[in-house]
Amino acid sequence: MEAQRGEVAPLITYFSGFLPDLGVRPEALATIEESHEAYLELLDANLFQHPYHLGGGRHWPILAR
């Protein structure tokens, strides 16, 4: 994991310079992270109810041809 972080560190530094222009401020990071976690929970619940939303199920062989 540390090796991967080292490999992407230059990209993180480069792209983090864009965040202030997009309205992302340090005081907003917690809110953004909470919103993203809530989104992932909703997506997880949706995929639990509809497991073939992204493919598979009885229609999958027809679509795969």
N, C-alpha and C. Protein backbone atom coordinates (compact mmCIF):
# COMPACT_ATOMS: atom_id res chain seq x y z
N MET A 1 0.82 -1.19 0.00
CA MET A 1 0.00 0.00 0.00
C MET A 1 0.88 1.26 0.00
N GLU A 2 1.92 1.25 0.77
CA GLU A 2 2.80 2.42 0.81
C GLU A 2 3.50 2.64 -0.53
N ALA A 3 3.84 1.55 -1.21
CA ALA A 3 4.47 1.67 -2.53
C ALA A 3 3.50 2.32 -3.51
N GLN A 4 2.23 1.93 -3.44
CA GLN A 4 1.22 2.52 -4.33
C GLN A 4 1.05 4.01 -4.02
N ARG A 5 1.03 4.36 -2.76
CA ARG A 5 0.90 5.77 -2.39
C ARG A 5 2.08 6.58 -2.90
N GLY A 6 3.26 5.99 -2.84
CA GLY A 6 4.44 6.68 -3.34
C GLY A 6 4.37 6.90 -4.85
N GLU A 7 3.80 5.94 -5.55
CA GLU A 7 3.68 6.06 -7.00
C GLU A 7 2.69 7.14 -7.43
N VAL A 8 1.62 7.31 -6.65
CA VAL A 8 0.60 8.29 -7.04
C VAL A 8 0.79 9.64 -6.37
N ALA A 9 1.78 9.77 -5.50
CA ALA A 9 2.00 11.04 -4.79
C ALA A 9 2.15 12.22 -5.75
N PRO A 10 2.90 12.12 -6.85
CA PRO A 10 3.00 13.26 -7.76
C PRO A 10 1.65 13.66 -8.36
N LEU A 11 0.81 12.67 -8.67
CA LEU A 11 -0.52 12.96 -9.22
C LEU A 11 -1.41 13.64 -8.18
N ILE A 12 -1.33 13.15 -6.96
CA ILE A 12 -2.12 13.76 -5.89
C ILE A 12 -1.71 15.21 -5.70
N THR A 13 -0.44 15.47 -5.69
CA THR A 13 0.05 16.84 -5.53
C THR A 13 -0.43 17.71 -6.68
N TYR A 14 -0.33 17.20 -7.90
CA TYR A 14 -0.73 17.97 -9.07
C TYR A 14 -2.23 18.30 -9.03
N PHE A 15 -3.06 17.28 -8.84
CA PHE A 15 -4.50 17.49 -8.89
C PHE A 15 -5.04 18.21 -7.67
N SER A 16 -4.39 18.10 -6.52
CA SER A 16 -4.88 18.81 -5.34
C SER A 16 -4.80 20.32 -5.53
N GLY A 17 -3.97 20.78 -6.45
CA GLY A 17 -3.90 22.20 -6.75
C GLY A 17 -5.16 22.73 -7.42
N PHE A 18 -5.96 21.85 -8.01
CA PHE A 18 -7.20 22.25 -8.66
C PHE A 18 -8.37 22.41 -7.69
N LEU A 19 -8.28 21.78 -6.54
CA LEU A 19 -9.41 21.73 -5.62
C LEU A 19 -9.91 23.11 -5.17
N PRO A 20 -9.05 24.04 -4.82
CA PRO A 20 -9.58 25.36 -4.42
C PRO A 20 -10.38 26.05 -5.53
N ASP A 21 -9.97 25.86 -6.78
CA ASP A 21 -10.71 26.46 -7.89
C ASP A 21 -12.09 25.81 -8.07
N LEU A 22 -12.25 24.58 -7.56
CA LEU A 22 -13.53 23.88 -7.65
C LEU A 22 -14.40 24.15 -6.42
N GLY A 23 -13.91 24.99 -5.53
CA GLY A 23 -14.67 25.33 -4.34
C GLY A 23 -14.43 24.41 -3.16
N VAL A 24 -13.45 23.54 -3.27
CA VAL A 24 -13.15 22.62 -2.17
C VAL A 24 -12.17 23.32 -1.23
N ARG A 25 -12.63 23.49 0.00
CA ARG A 25 -11.83 24.14 1.04
C ARG A 25 -11.59 23.14 2.17
N PRO A 26 -10.54 23.30 2.91
CA PRO A 26 -10.25 22.36 4.01
C PRO A 26 -11.44 22.17 4.96
N GLU A 27 -12.17 23.24 5.23
CA GLU A 27 -13.30 23.13 6.16
C GLU A 27 -14.47 22.34 5.55
N ALA A 28 -14.46 22.11 4.25
CA ALA A 28 -15.54 21.37 3.59
C ALA A 28 -15.22 19.88 3.44
N LEU A 29 -13.99 19.49 3.71
CA LEU A 29 -13.59 18.11 3.46
C LEU A 29 -14.41 17.10 4.25
N ALA A 30 -14.69 17.37 5.51
CA ALA A 30 -15.47 16.44 6.33
C ALA A 30 -16.87 16.26 5.74
N THR A 31 -17.49 17.34 5.29
CA THR A 31 -18.83 17.26 4.70
C THR A 31 -18.80 16.47 3.40
N ILE A 32 -17.80 16.71 2.58
CA ILE A 32 -17.67 15.98 1.31
C ILE A 32 -17.49 14.49 1.58
N GLU A 33 -16.65 14.16 2.55
CA GLU A 33 -16.41 12.76 2.88
C GLU A 33 -17.68 12.10 3.43
N GLU A 34 -18.41 12.78 4.29
CA GLU A 34 -19.66 12.23 4.82
C GLU A 34 -20.68 12.01 3.70
N SER A 35 -20.76 12.95 2.78
CA SER A 35 -21.69 12.82 1.66
C SER A 35 -21.31 11.62 0.79
N HIS A 36 -20.03 11.44 0.55
CA HIS A 36 -19.57 10.32 -0.27
C HIS A 36 -19.87 9.00 0.42
N GLU A 37 -19.65 8.93 1.73
CA GLU A 37 -19.94 7.70 2.47
C GLU A 37 -21.44 7.39 2.44
N ALA A 38 -22.28 8.43 2.57
CA ALA A 38 -23.73 8.23 2.49
C ALA A 38 -24.12 7.71 1.12
N TYR A 39 -23.51 8.26 0.08
CA TYR A 39 -23.77 7.79 -1.29
C TYR A 39 -23.40 6.32 -1.43
N LEU A 40 -22.25 5.93 -0.92
CA LEU A 40 -21.82 4.54 -1.03
C LEU A 40 -22.76 3.61 -0.28
N GLU A 41 -23.30 4.05 0.85
CA GLU A 41 -24.27 3.24 1.59
C GLU A 41 -25.55 3.06 0.78
N LEU A 42 -26.02 4.13 0.15
CA LEU A 42 -27.21 4.04 -0.69
C LEU A 42 -26.97 3.13 -1.89
N LEU A 43 -25.82 3.26 -2.51
CA LEU A 43 -25.48 2.40 -3.66
C LEU A 43 -25.42 0.94 -3.23
N ASP A 44 -24.81 0.68 -2.08
CA ASP A 44 -24.71 -0.68 -1.57
C ASP A 44 -26.11 -1.26 -1.32
N ALA A 45 -26.99 -0.47 -0.71
CA ALA A 45 -28.36 -0.93 -0.45
C ALA A 45 -29.10 -1.20 -1.76
N ASN A 46 -28.90 -0.34 -2.75
CA ASN A 46 -29.55 -0.52 -4.04
C ASN A 46 -29.07 -1.79 -4.73
N LEU A 47 -27.77 -2.01 -4.72
CA LEU A 47 -27.23 -3.20 -5.37
C LEU A 47 -27.60 -4.47 -4.62
N PHE A 48 -27.87 -4.35 -3.31
CA PHE A 48 -28.34 -5.50 -2.54
C PHE A 48 -29.75 -5.87 -2.99
N GLN A 49 -30.58 -4.87 -3.25
CA GLN A 49 -31.95 -5.11 -3.69
C GLN A 49 -32.02 -5.48 -5.17
N HIS A 50 -31.12 -4.95 -5.97
CA HIS A 50 -31.10 -5.16 -7.42
C HIS A 50 -29.70 -5.62 -7.83
N PRO A 51 -29.34 -6.86 -7.53
CA PRO A 51 -27.95 -7.29 -7.74
C PRO A 51 -27.50 -7.30 -9.19
N TYR A 52 -28.43 -7.24 -10.13
CA TYR A 52 -28.04 -7.32 -11.53
C TYR A 52 -28.11 -5.96 -12.22
N HIS A 53 -28.08 -4.92 -11.43
CA HIS A 53 -28.14 -3.57 -11.96
C HIS A 53 -27.02 -3.29 -12.97
N LEU A 54 -25.85 -3.86 -12.71
CA LEU A 54 -24.70 -3.60 -13.57
C LEU A 54 -24.39 -4.77 -14.50
N GLY A 55 -25.31 -5.69 -14.64
CA GLY A 55 -25.10 -6.83 -15.52
C GLY A 55 -25.39 -8.14 -14.81
N GLY A 56 -25.51 -9.18 -15.55
CA GLY A 56 -25.80 -10.47 -14.97
C GLY A 56 -27.28 -10.77 -15.02
N GLY A 57 -27.69 -11.79 -14.30
CA GLY A 57 -29.10 -12.15 -14.26
C GLY A 57 -29.53 -12.89 -15.51
N ARG A 58 -30.85 -13.04 -15.68
CA ARG A 58 -31.37 -13.85 -16.77
C ARG A 58 -31.16 -13.22 -18.14
N HIS A 59 -30.96 -11.91 -18.22
CA HIS A 59 -30.78 -11.24 -19.51
C HIS A 59 -29.32 -11.21 -19.96
N TRP A 60 -28.43 -11.54 -19.04
CA TRP A 60 -27.01 -11.41 -19.34
C TRP A 60 -26.57 -12.20 -20.56
N PRO A 61 -26.97 -13.48 -20.72
CA PRO A 61 -26.52 -14.22 -21.91
C PRO A 61 -27.00 -13.57 -23.22
N ILE A 62 -28.18 -12.97 -23.21
CA ILE A 62 -28.68 -12.32 -24.41
C ILE A 62 -27.82 -11.10 -24.75
N LEU A 63 -27.48 -10.32 -23.72
CA LEU A 63 -26.68 -9.12 -23.95
C LEU A 63 -25.25 -9.46 -24.31
N ALA A 64 -24.77 -10.60 -23.88
CA ALA A 64 -23.37 -10.96 -24.11
C ALA A 64 -23.12 -11.47 -25.53
N ARG A 65 -24.18 -11.83 -26.24
CA ARG A 65 -23.98 -12.37 -27.59
C ARG A 65 -23.54 -11.34 -28.58
